Protein backbone atom coordinates (compact mmCIF):
# COMPACT_ATOMS: atom_id res chain seq x y z
CA MET A 1 87.05 -6.07 43.63
CA ALA A 2 90.30 -7.48 43.16
CA THR A 3 90.82 -11.55 43.27
CA PRO A 4 93.72 -13.39 44.14
CA LYS A 5 94.50 -13.77 40.61
CA ASP A 6 94.75 -9.84 40.32
CA SER A 7 97.22 -9.29 42.94
CA ILE A 8 99.99 -6.65 42.30
CA ASP A 9 103.30 -6.89 43.16
CA VAL A 10 103.80 -3.88 45.00
CA ALA A 11 101.18 -0.87 46.22
CA ILE A 12 102.20 2.51 46.76
CA ILE A 13 99.88 4.39 49.02
CA GLY A 14 100.67 7.99 48.73
CA ALA A 15 102.03 10.21 45.77
CA GLY A 16 104.63 12.28 47.32
CA PRO A 17 108.42 12.63 47.31
CA ALA A 18 108.91 9.47 49.19
CA GLY A 19 106.00 7.19 47.38
CA LEU A 20 107.31 8.77 44.12
CA MET A 21 110.93 7.82 44.79
CA ALA A 22 110.12 4.30 45.91
CA ALA A 23 108.25 3.91 42.51
CA GLU A 24 111.23 5.26 40.55
CA ASP A 25 113.64 2.79 42.27
CA LEU A 26 111.22 -0.17 42.02
CA ILE A 27 111.34 0.11 38.11
CA LYS A 28 114.93 0.42 38.13
CA ALA A 29 114.41 -3.42 39.68
CA GLY A 30 112.23 -4.40 37.24
CA ILE A 31 109.03 -4.13 39.31
CA LYS A 32 105.78 -2.27 37.73
CA PRO A 33 104.41 -0.60 41.11
CA VAL A 34 100.98 0.57 41.35
CA ILE A 35 100.81 4.29 43.16
CA TYR A 36 97.37 5.31 44.88
CA ASP A 37 97.07 8.86 46.00
CA ALA A 38 93.64 10.17 47.58
CA MET A 39 94.13 13.93 46.07
CA PRO A 40 93.06 14.51 42.61
CA THR A 41 96.51 15.12 41.73
CA PRO A 42 100.04 13.94 43.08
CA ALA A 43 102.66 15.84 45.21
CA ARG A 44 100.19 18.45 46.24
CA LYS A 45 102.42 19.57 49.07
CA PHE A 46 105.96 18.92 47.26
CA LEU A 47 103.99 21.64 44.55
CA MET A 48 103.43 24.17 47.30
CA ALA A 49 106.83 24.13 48.87
CA GLY A 50 108.08 24.78 45.35
CA LYS A 51 106.24 28.18 45.45
CA SER A 52 109.25 29.53 47.49
CA GLY A 53 111.57 28.21 45.49
CA LEU A 54 111.67 24.42 46.24
CA ASN A 55 114.69 23.84 48.46
CA LEU A 56 115.70 19.98 47.26
CA SER A 57 118.81 19.57 49.55
CA HIS A 58 121.73 21.81 51.60
CA SER A 59 125.30 21.26 50.52
CA GLU A 60 126.94 21.29 53.79
CA PRO A 61 129.35 18.40 54.53
CA ILE A 62 127.30 15.14 55.32
CA GLN A 63 128.01 14.98 59.06
CA THR A 64 126.74 18.42 59.51
CA PHE A 65 123.88 17.52 57.50
CA LEU A 66 122.66 14.53 59.27
CA ALA A 67 123.64 16.17 62.83
CA ARG A 68 120.41 18.30 61.57
CA TYR A 69 118.01 15.33 62.42
CA GLY A 70 118.69 15.32 65.63
CA ALA A 71 117.74 12.04 68.03
CA SER A 72 116.94 10.56 64.49
CA GLU A 73 120.55 10.85 62.98
CA ASP A 74 121.84 7.34 63.37
CA ARG A 75 118.50 6.02 61.90
CA LEU A 76 118.48 8.13 59.25
CA GLY A 77 121.85 8.16 58.49
CA ASP A 78 122.49 5.41 56.37
CA ALA A 79 119.86 5.98 53.97
CA VAL A 80 120.89 9.86 53.44
CA ARG A 81 124.18 8.75 52.72
CA GLY A 82 122.90 7.03 50.22
CA PHE A 83 121.06 9.66 48.41
CA ASN A 84 122.96 12.67 49.42
CA SER A 85 122.29 16.18 48.55
CA TRP A 86 124.76 15.77 45.25
CA ALA A 87 123.15 12.59 44.26
CA ILE A 88 119.93 14.77 44.33
CA ARG A 89 121.38 17.28 41.96
CA ASP A 90 122.11 14.20 39.76
CA TRP A 91 118.94 12.89 39.82
CA ALA A 92 117.33 16.22 39.07
CA GLU A 93 119.70 16.80 36.22
CA GLY A 94 118.80 13.53 34.97
CA LEU A 95 114.97 14.74 34.83
CA GLY A 96 116.32 17.88 33.17
CA THR A 97 116.58 20.13 36.09
CA GLU A 98 119.44 22.15 36.35
CA THR A 99 120.41 23.08 40.01
CA PHE A 100 122.69 25.52 41.77
CA VAL A 101 124.22 26.30 45.54
CA GLY A 102 122.78 29.58 46.74
CA SER A 103 124.50 31.65 49.09
CA SER A 104 123.09 29.99 52.16
CA GLY A 105 124.65 26.57 50.92
CA ARG A 106 121.01 25.45 49.99
CA ILE A 107 120.45 23.77 46.98
CA PHE A 108 117.61 24.87 44.33
CA PRO A 109 116.44 24.53 40.47
CA THR A 110 117.66 27.11 38.50
CA ALA A 111 113.97 27.86 37.52
CA PHE A 112 112.77 28.17 41.17
CA LYS A 113 109.80 25.75 40.47
CA ALA A 114 108.66 22.54 41.33
CA SER A 115 106.18 21.90 38.70
CA PRO A 116 108.83 21.03 35.52
CA LEU A 117 110.53 18.45 37.49
CA LEU A 118 107.28 16.70 38.68
CA ARG A 119 106.35 16.45 35.01
CA ALA A 120 109.43 15.01 34.22
CA TRP A 121 109.34 12.78 37.26
CA LEU A 122 105.78 11.56 36.52
CA ALA A 123 106.89 11.03 32.68
CA ARG A 124 109.28 8.81 33.81
CA LEU A 125 107.49 6.44 36.09
CA LYS A 126 104.73 6.48 33.49
CA GLU A 127 107.48 4.96 31.09
CA GLY A 128 108.27 2.46 33.60
CA GLU A 129 105.02 1.34 33.42
CA ALA A 130 103.74 2.37 37.05
CA ILE A 131 100.02 3.09 37.27
CA LEU A 132 99.01 5.87 39.36
CA ASN A 133 95.51 6.00 40.36
CA THR A 134 94.01 9.37 41.69
CA ARG A 135 91.18 9.98 44.26
CA TYR A 136 91.88 6.63 46.25
CA ARG A 137 91.49 7.08 49.63
CA TRP A 138 93.07 4.35 51.65
CA THR A 139 90.74 3.04 54.72
CA GLY A 140 92.81 0.16 55.88
CA TRP A 141 92.50 -3.52 55.30
CA THR A 142 89.94 -5.81 55.41
CA ASP A 143 89.51 -9.26 57.24
CA ALA A 144 91.41 -11.26 54.27
CA GLY A 145 93.92 -8.47 53.99
CA LEU A 146 93.41 -6.72 51.08
CA LEU A 147 93.65 -3.21 50.59
CA ARG A 148 90.72 -1.37 50.80
CA PHE A 149 89.91 2.03 49.33
CA ASP A 150 87.30 4.94 48.48
CA THR A 151 87.10 5.87 45.24
CA PRO A 152 84.35 8.02 42.95
CA THR A 153 83.12 5.17 41.73
CA GLY A 154 82.76 3.53 44.99
CA PRO A 155 84.72 1.12 47.32
CA VAL A 156 87.55 -0.93 45.87
CA GLU A 157 90.08 -3.65 47.42
CA VAL A 158 93.09 -4.76 45.88
CA MET A 159 95.24 -7.85 46.80
CA ALA A 160 98.97 -6.65 46.87
CA LYS A 161 101.95 -8.96 47.31
CA THR A 162 103.78 -5.51 49.39
CA THR A 163 103.01 -2.07 50.25
CA ILE A 164 104.44 1.02 51.00
CA LEU A 165 102.68 3.47 53.01
CA ALA A 166 104.17 6.55 52.42
CA LEU A 167 101.23 9.10 53.53
CA GLY A 168 102.62 12.03 55.19
CA GLY A 169 102.20 13.46 58.65
CA ILE A 170 99.15 15.72 59.71
CA SER A 171 100.56 19.14 58.68
CA TRP A 172 98.70 21.07 55.57
CA PRO A 173 95.84 18.45 55.55
CA ARG A 174 94.09 20.54 52.69
CA LEU A 175 97.05 19.42 50.39
CA GLY A 176 96.10 15.30 51.23
CA SER A 177 98.55 14.89 54.78
CA ASP A 178 95.56 14.22 57.25
CA GLY A 179 96.25 11.56 59.35
CA SER A 180 93.54 9.63 58.02
CA TRP A 181 95.70 6.49 58.06
CA LEU A 182 96.07 6.93 62.06
CA PRO A 183 93.38 4.60 63.27
CA HIS A 184 94.35 1.80 60.71
CA LEU A 185 98.09 1.21 62.09
CA THR A 186 96.93 1.99 65.74
CA GLY A 187 94.11 -0.76 65.65
CA ARG A 188 96.67 -3.27 64.67
CA GLY A 189 98.83 -2.13 67.73
CA ILE A 190 101.41 -0.04 65.53
CA HIS A 191 102.76 2.56 68.21
CA VAL A 192 102.75 5.98 67.21
CA VAL A 193 104.25 8.99 68.41
CA PRO A 194 101.85 11.19 68.48
CA PHE A 195 102.34 14.17 66.19
CA ARG A 196 103.31 17.63 66.98
CA PRO A 197 104.43 20.93 65.22
CA ALA A 198 107.66 21.25 63.41
CA ASN A 199 109.02 24.46 61.53
CA CYS A 200 106.10 26.33 63.05
CA GLY A 201 105.34 29.63 64.11
CA PHE A 202 104.22 30.85 67.56
CA ASN A 203 101.69 33.03 69.26
CA VAL A 204 102.58 36.44 71.32
CA GLY A 205 100.32 38.70 72.88
CA TRP A 206 100.66 41.41 71.00
CA SER A 207 98.54 44.77 71.72
CA GLU A 208 95.94 45.56 69.34
CA HIS A 209 97.80 48.69 68.31
CA PHE A 210 101.13 46.71 67.50
CA ARG A 211 98.76 43.83 65.44
CA GLU A 212 97.18 46.37 63.45
CA ARG A 213 100.16 48.25 62.38
CA PHE A 214 102.79 45.65 62.04
CA GLU A 215 100.74 42.28 60.98
CA GLY A 216 103.00 41.12 58.30
CA GLU A 217 105.72 43.21 58.51
CA ALA A 218 109.57 41.39 58.06
CA VAL A 219 111.97 41.83 60.24
CA LYS A 220 115.45 41.66 58.44
CA ASN A 221 118.92 41.33 59.74
CA THR A 222 118.52 40.42 62.92
CA VAL A 223 120.18 37.53 65.48
CA LEU A 224 117.60 35.35 67.17
CA THR A 225 118.98 33.76 70.36
CA PHE A 226 117.30 30.90 72.52
CA GLU A 227 119.09 28.82 75.33
CA GLY A 228 122.36 29.93 73.96
CA ASP A 229 121.81 29.35 70.22
CA ARG A 230 122.24 32.25 68.08
CA VAL A 231 120.44 32.20 64.73
CA GLN A 232 120.68 35.00 62.34
CA GLY A 233 118.20 35.54 59.66
CA ASP A 234 114.58 37.07 59.30
CA PHE A 235 111.27 36.39 60.26
CA VAL A 236 107.49 37.68 59.91
CA VAL A 237 105.48 39.39 62.43
CA THR A 238 101.56 37.74 62.12
CA ARG A 239 98.50 38.61 63.64
CA ASP A 240 98.93 36.35 66.10
CA GLY A 241 102.78 35.85 66.70
CA VAL A 242 105.79 35.18 64.63
CA GLU A 243 107.00 32.83 62.11
CA GLY A 244 109.67 32.56 59.37
CA SER A 245 112.80 30.73 58.61
CA ALA A 246 114.57 32.32 61.45
CA ILE A 247 111.86 31.34 63.87
CA TYR A 248 111.65 28.01 62.67
CA ALA A 249 115.38 27.21 63.19
CA HIS A 250 114.52 27.41 66.55
CA SER A 251 111.05 26.02 66.68
CA ALA A 252 111.74 22.41 68.11
CA ALA A 253 113.56 23.54 71.03
CA ILE A 254 111.24 26.01 71.87
CA ARG A 255 108.20 23.62 71.34
CA ASP A 256 109.85 21.30 73.43
CA ASN A 257 110.88 24.13 76.18
CA ILE A 258 107.28 25.51 76.22
CA GLU A 259 105.86 22.01 76.51
CA LYS A 260 107.52 21.38 79.50
CA TYR A 261 107.75 24.88 81.35
CA GLY A 262 105.06 27.12 79.42
CA PRO A 263 105.56 30.15 77.63
CA ALA A 264 109.36 30.79 76.16
CA THR A 265 111.59 33.52 76.16
CA LEU A 266 113.34 34.69 72.37
CA GLU A 267 115.83 37.08 72.27
CA LEU A 268 116.65 39.15 69.17
CA ASP A 269 119.43 41.45 68.81
CA LEU A 270 117.95 44.25 66.16
CA THR A 271 121.68 45.62 65.71
CA PRO A 272 124.44 42.42 64.86
CA ASP A 273 126.58 45.07 63.63
CA ARG A 274 126.86 47.25 66.62
CA THR A 275 127.99 46.67 70.33
CA VAL A 276 125.83 47.49 73.50
CA GLN A 277 128.41 50.34 74.32
CA GLN A 278 128.30 51.85 70.74
CA LEU A 279 124.35 51.84 70.99
CA GLU A 280 124.37 53.16 74.53
CA ASN A 281 126.94 56.34 73.36
CA ALA A 282 124.83 57.09 70.45
CA LEU A 283 121.28 57.26 72.19
CA ALA A 284 122.97 59.35 75.23
CA LYS A 285 123.24 62.11 72.84
CA PRO A 286 121.01 64.86 73.80
CA ARG A 287 117.39 64.07 72.47
CA GLY A 288 116.06 67.62 72.58
CA LYS A 289 112.50 68.23 71.27
CA LYS A 290 112.54 65.09 68.89
CA SER A 291 110.34 62.53 69.42
CA PHE A 292 111.57 58.92 70.77
CA ALA A 293 110.90 57.31 67.22
CA THR A 294 112.92 60.38 65.83
CA HIS A 295 115.75 60.15 68.28
CA LEU A 296 115.92 56.11 67.94
CA LYS A 297 116.05 56.52 64.19
CA LYS A 298 118.98 59.30 63.90
CA THR A 299 121.12 57.54 66.72
CA THR A 300 120.89 53.73 65.77
CA GLY A 301 118.91 53.62 62.60
CA LEU A 302 116.15 51.65 63.66
CA GLY A 303 112.59 52.40 62.55
CA GLY A 304 109.34 50.88 61.55
CA VAL A 305 108.64 47.16 62.44
CA LYS A 306 112.02 46.97 64.68
CA ALA A 307 111.17 50.27 66.86
CA GLY A 308 107.70 48.66 67.11
CA LEU A 309 108.96 45.55 68.72
CA ILE A 310 111.15 48.01 71.21
CA ARG A 311 107.78 49.70 71.98
CA GLU A 312 106.05 46.66 72.48
CA CYS A 313 108.35 44.55 74.29
CA LEU A 314 110.70 46.74 76.22
CA PRO A 315 109.23 48.40 80.08
CA THR A 316 108.96 52.73 79.39
CA ALA A 317 111.53 53.02 81.83
CA ASP A 318 113.78 50.82 79.69
CA ILE A 319 113.21 53.21 76.60
CA ASN A 320 114.23 56.24 78.64
CA ASP A 321 117.13 54.74 79.95
CA PRO A 322 119.88 54.71 77.24
CA HIS A 323 121.62 51.93 78.92
CA LYS A 324 119.07 49.70 79.36
CA LEU A 325 117.64 50.66 75.87
CA ALA A 326 121.12 49.84 74.29
CA GLN A 327 120.93 46.16 76.19
CA GLY A 328 117.45 45.90 74.93
CA ILE A 329 117.97 46.48 71.41
CA LYS A 330 120.82 43.84 71.81
CA ALA A 331 118.61 41.31 73.60
CA LEU A 332 114.74 42.47 73.10
CA PRO A 333 113.02 39.76 75.06
CA ILE A 334 110.03 38.13 72.93
CA VAL A 335 107.56 35.90 75.17
CA LEU A 336 106.23 33.05 72.72
CA GLU A 337 103.32 31.71 74.53
CA SER A 338 102.62 28.48 72.31
CA ALA A 339 103.07 26.92 69.00
CA ARG A 340 100.93 27.78 66.10
CA PRO A 341 98.22 24.84 65.17
CA ILE A 342 99.81 21.74 63.60
CA GLU A 343 97.68 22.19 60.73
CA GLU A 344 99.66 25.28 60.08
CA ALA A 345 103.39 24.24 60.50
CA ILE A 346 105.37 23.49 57.59
CA SER A 347 106.24 19.61 58.81
CA VAL A 348 106.02 17.42 62.18
CA ALA A 349 107.57 15.49 64.79
CA GLY A 350 106.30 12.24 65.63
CA GLY A 351 105.02 9.42 63.99
CA ILE A 352 105.46 5.34 63.74
CA ALA A 353 107.97 4.52 66.09
CA PHE A 354 111.21 3.32 64.65
CA GLU A 355 110.89 0.25 67.11
CA GLU A 356 108.13 -0.89 64.77
CA LEU A 357 110.16 -0.88 61.74
CA ASP A 358 113.04 -3.14 60.36
CA GLU A 359 116.10 -1.72 58.79
CA ASN A 360 114.54 -1.42 55.61
CA LEU A 361 111.49 0.01 57.08
CA MET A 362 109.23 -2.76 57.16
CA LEU A 363 106.86 -3.12 59.94
CA LYS A 364 107.80 -6.17 62.07
CA ALA A 365 104.01 -6.46 63.01
CA LEU A 366 102.64 -6.79 59.52
CA PRO A 367 105.76 -8.43 57.28
CA GLY A 368 105.37 -7.02 53.78
CA THR A 369 104.16 -3.57 54.66
CA PHE A 370 106.92 -0.79 54.33
CA CYS A 371 106.54 2.86 55.32
CA ALA A 372 108.65 6.01 54.27
CA GLY A 373 108.89 9.82 54.70
CA GLU A 374 106.99 11.87 57.45
CA MET A 375 104.67 9.21 58.71
CA ILE A 376 107.66 7.80 60.41
CA ASP A 377 109.07 9.33 63.62
CA TRP A 378 111.85 12.10 62.71
CA GLU A 379 111.64 15.77 61.86
CA ALA A 380 114.25 18.22 60.03
CA PRO A 381 114.73 21.64 59.85
CA THR A 382 113.95 23.58 56.87
CA GLY A 383 116.74 23.73 54.50
CA GLY A 384 116.46 20.81 52.08
CA TYR A 385 116.78 18.08 54.75
CA LEU A 386 112.89 17.36 55.20
CA LEU A 387 112.54 16.56 51.41
CA THR A 388 116.06 14.80 51.10
CA ALA A 389 115.31 12.57 53.96
CA CYS A 390 111.60 11.57 52.42
CA PHE A 391 113.68 11.15 48.97
CA ALA A 392 115.85 8.79 50.91
CA GLN A 393 113.28 6.53 52.89
CA GLY A 394 111.41 6.28 49.36
CA LYS A 395 114.68 4.40 47.86
CA GLN A 396 115.32 2.46 51.28
CA ALA A 397 111.76 0.90 51.63
CA ALA A 398 111.87 0.48 47.70
CA TYR A 399 115.03 -1.83 48.58
CA GLY A 400 113.44 -3.49 51.45
CA VAL A 401 110.65 -4.52 49.06
CA THR A 402 112.88 -5.60 46.17
CA ASN A 403 114.58 -8.05 48.94
CA TRP A 404 111.10 -9.21 50.28
CA LEU A 405 109.79 -10.14 47.02
CA ALA A 406 112.77 -11.65 45.62
CA ALA A 407 112.84 -13.87 49.07
CA GLN A 408 109.35 -15.19 48.38
CA HIS A 409 110.31 -16.79 45.20
């Protein structure tokens, strides 16, 4: 159990991207942080994201980049400008990880892995004399203001001059972001905006035949339109609905619409390179004894899961009418009933309200306690925006801590 003479300068609770970046900047400022994480190893969600290539950031112009944060653009802007995509590339290179810009503009490590970067990062922090304590689950504060942890050897109390909370949201709870911190802050009167899924899939009422036939199939080269916003890309048919990058690009708008009005309709253009008239002319050719599937494949090139979607989503009368079928192929309606559970979402919306924080991410009601990352109320699409903001807010919180400690002397 800690006593006043055991007081540490900075406790960082949460060893994800925001917490580790805060630790790195504190070391640069001559401060030795102590990091605590509930999991057996650090940055588990970071490693999981790396399995699909670790999208570090995006190379688009900064104003376009910042607009991706929607209503939080102004609140995240200064931090992200201070650690933008090019700064992230320099940082990764300094850790021995070369990066490249893909055809989509996204930035990836050349090795397409997160583990080499994380190993080098942790080694740098260790060299800077940061202390990492794993299997330390934060359970709030004591009446005397000490940090309280459950550990494998029993309860531990820590006195810290300052604290950075970087505990994540509540998606992928098996990786550590389980929201167990919520009652500790709401109990102190901190307003937390309810969490909602972001970058998520949606439930669709598939027929059993379609589900059994096409579960797991990728739908490629499509344009997805929702409320006039068009996104070209791919998605996947799941047992319960749809998911994938093109779905995630629309997910915030679809989620909000469903919450207000109920089920929402997404339109698919299954042949972006052909017009309605071209399709109608092709489909109007005599079918003869050919089956619908054969005729569709021969005249339009559509087969497999795309043909299955047409049968699933269009009335039989439309399928048998070349004009209506052509229109349906160019604007196939899929009714999205609800968002998938938040535990499955890539990220979340909601969290600590920005009004609770000062310009350096310190909680106004708890001087000396700073926050960073997904536990704050902002959201970002996939494409490197989420990770970039977590990095940037880790640095922002570290700056605040450095100034706070200096002011106390």
